[in-house]
Amino acid sequence: MNASTEVTIQKSALPSMAMSETDLIGVLSSSLYLGAAKNSILMVLSYCKATGLDPMQKPVHIVPMWDKNSKAMRDVVMPDGVAGDCDGCGEYFARLVGGKCGFCRDGRRRVVGVEGLVV
């Protein structure tokens, strides 16, 4: 095969994205986004795919907002800070500011293996 006809199958780095979309919507609607409309969960999945975030780590919230033009409530996907690995300690945090978690920004450190202990 030459380069123009070669097909590459790329696996997603996120395990949750390996599920079928139907299964993932079912899991999200019965756990993290309980009671959310299917279209709202599809917005979450689209946002997560575009940004490379894992929807199972709930990086966004579905927020109902009043739309003055349609005079009705509609769901909006709102990011919950920036999720990712901290540049300072390498741990995953749901909210980073400037690439660092709250512990590293404040000069504190977490004791690994002890939940909630901050020094």
Protein backbone atom coordinates (compact mmCIF):
# COMPACT_ATOMS: atom_id res chain seq x y z
CA MET A 1 0.00 0.00 0.00
CA ASN A 2 1.19 3.48 -0.69
CA ALA A 3 0.79 6.37 1.74
CA SER A 4 -2.35 7.72 0.08
CA THR A 5 -4.36 4.50 0.40
CA GLU A 6 -3.02 3.24 3.73
CA VAL A 7 -5.61 3.08 6.49
CA THR A 8 -4.58 3.44 10.11
CA ILE A 9 -6.89 2.37 12.92
CA GLN A 10 -6.19 4.45 15.98
CA LYS A 11 -7.40 3.33 19.40
CA SER A 12 -8.60 5.98 21.78
CA ALA A 13 -6.33 6.71 24.72
CA LEU A 14 -9.42 7.05 26.92
CA PRO A 15 -10.97 3.70 27.89
CA SER A 16 -14.47 5.17 28.17
CA MET A 17 -14.33 6.35 24.56
CA ALA A 18 -13.72 2.73 23.48
CA MET A 19 -17.34 1.91 24.45
CA SER A 20 -20.09 2.32 21.90
CA GLU A 21 -21.73 5.72 22.07
CA THR A 22 -25.06 4.14 23.01
CA ASP A 23 -23.50 2.26 25.94
CA LEU A 24 -21.58 5.33 27.10
CA ILE A 25 -24.73 7.48 27.02
CA GLY A 26 -26.50 4.81 29.09
CA VAL A 27 -23.71 4.73 31.68
CA LEU A 28 -23.47 8.52 31.93
CA SER A 29 -27.24 9.04 32.15
CA SER A 30 -27.57 6.50 34.96
CA SER A 31 -24.56 7.64 37.00
CA LEU A 32 -22.75 10.95 36.53
CA TYR A 33 -25.45 12.87 34.65
CA LEU A 34 -28.51 11.33 36.28
CA GLY A 35 -31.72 12.43 34.62
CA ALA A 36 -30.02 14.43 31.88
CA ALA A 37 -31.53 14.46 28.39
CA LYS A 38 -29.80 12.39 25.72
CA ASN A 39 -28.95 15.50 23.68
CA SER A 40 -27.30 17.08 26.72
CA ILE A 41 -25.12 14.01 27.22
CA LEU A 42 -24.25 14.09 23.53
CA MET A 43 -23.05 17.68 24.06
CA VAL A 44 -20.86 16.45 26.93
CA LEU A 45 -19.40 13.69 24.75
CA SER A 46 -18.74 16.11 21.88
CA TYR A 47 -16.99 18.52 24.24
CA CYS A 48 -14.89 15.72 25.74
CA LYS A 49 -13.91 14.36 22.32
CA ALA A 50 -12.91 17.84 21.13
CA THR A 51 -10.80 18.57 24.22
CA GLY A 52 -9.44 15.07 24.85
CA LEU A 53 -11.04 14.80 28.30
CA ASP A 54 -12.51 11.64 29.81
CA PRO A 55 -16.29 11.99 30.33
CA MET A 56 -16.12 9.45 33.19
CA GLN A 57 -14.10 11.97 35.21
CA LYS A 58 -16.95 14.51 34.88
CA PRO A 59 -14.89 17.41 33.53
CA VAL A 60 -18.05 19.40 32.71
CA HIS A 61 -21.46 20.12 34.21
CA ILE A 62 -24.79 20.26 32.44
CA VAL A 63 -26.37 23.53 33.56
CA PRO A 64 -29.95 24.53 32.71
CA MET A 65 -30.12 28.18 31.62
CA TRP A 66 -32.93 30.47 30.55
CA ASP A 67 -32.85 31.34 26.85
CA LYS A 68 -34.55 34.71 26.47
CA ASN A 69 -34.92 34.32 22.70
CA SER A 70 -36.83 31.03 22.84
CA LYS A 71 -38.31 31.86 26.28
CA ALA A 72 -37.46 28.37 27.52
CA MET A 73 -34.84 26.58 29.56
CA ARG A 74 -32.01 24.88 27.69
CA ASP A 75 -29.01 22.86 28.81
CA VAL A 76 -25.51 24.30 28.50
CA VAL A 77 -22.26 22.38 28.98
CA MET A 78 -20.00 24.26 31.41
CA PRO A 79 -16.37 23.23 31.98
CA ASP A 80 -15.36 22.53 35.57
CA GLY A 81 -11.94 24.17 35.51
CA VAL A 82 -9.30 22.44 33.46
CA ALA A 83 -8.80 18.76 34.20
CA GLY A 84 -5.47 17.03 33.73
CA ASP A 85 -2.12 16.13 35.20
CA CYS A 86 -0.47 18.75 37.36
CA ASP A 87 2.82 20.12 36.00
CA GLY A 88 4.22 20.30 39.54
CA CYS A 89 3.44 16.88 41.03
CA GLY A 90 2.15 14.85 38.07
CA GLU A 91 -1.07 13.82 39.86
CA TYR A 92 -4.43 14.01 38.05
CA PHE A 93 -6.69 16.80 39.28
CA ALA A 94 -10.12 17.84 38.07
CA ARG A 95 -9.16 21.51 38.30
CA LEU A 96 -5.84 23.05 37.32
CA VAL A 97 -4.97 26.73 37.14
CA GLY A 98 -1.94 27.60 35.09
CA GLY A 99 -1.15 23.88 34.79
CA LYS A 100 -0.78 23.42 38.55
CA CYS A 101 -3.05 22.01 41.24
CA GLY A 102 -3.99 23.97 44.36
CA PHE A 103 -1.37 22.17 46.43
CA CYS A 104 1.53 23.07 44.12
CA ARG A 105 0.32 26.66 43.62
CA ASP A 106 0.20 27.16 47.41
CA GLY A 107 3.55 25.48 48.04
CA ARG A 108 1.96 22.60 49.96
CA ARG A 109 2.38 18.93 49.23
CA ARG A 110 0.08 15.96 49.59
CA VAL A 111 1.22 12.89 51.46
CA VAL A 112 0.76 10.11 48.94
CA GLY A 113 -1.32 7.20 50.22
CA VAL A 114 -3.02 9.18 52.98
CA GLU A 115 -6.35 10.56 51.82
CA GLY A 116 -6.88 14.22 52.63
CA LEU A 117 -3.56 14.76 54.46
CA VAL A 118 -1.90 18.01 53.42
CA VAL A 119 1.44 19.23 54.74
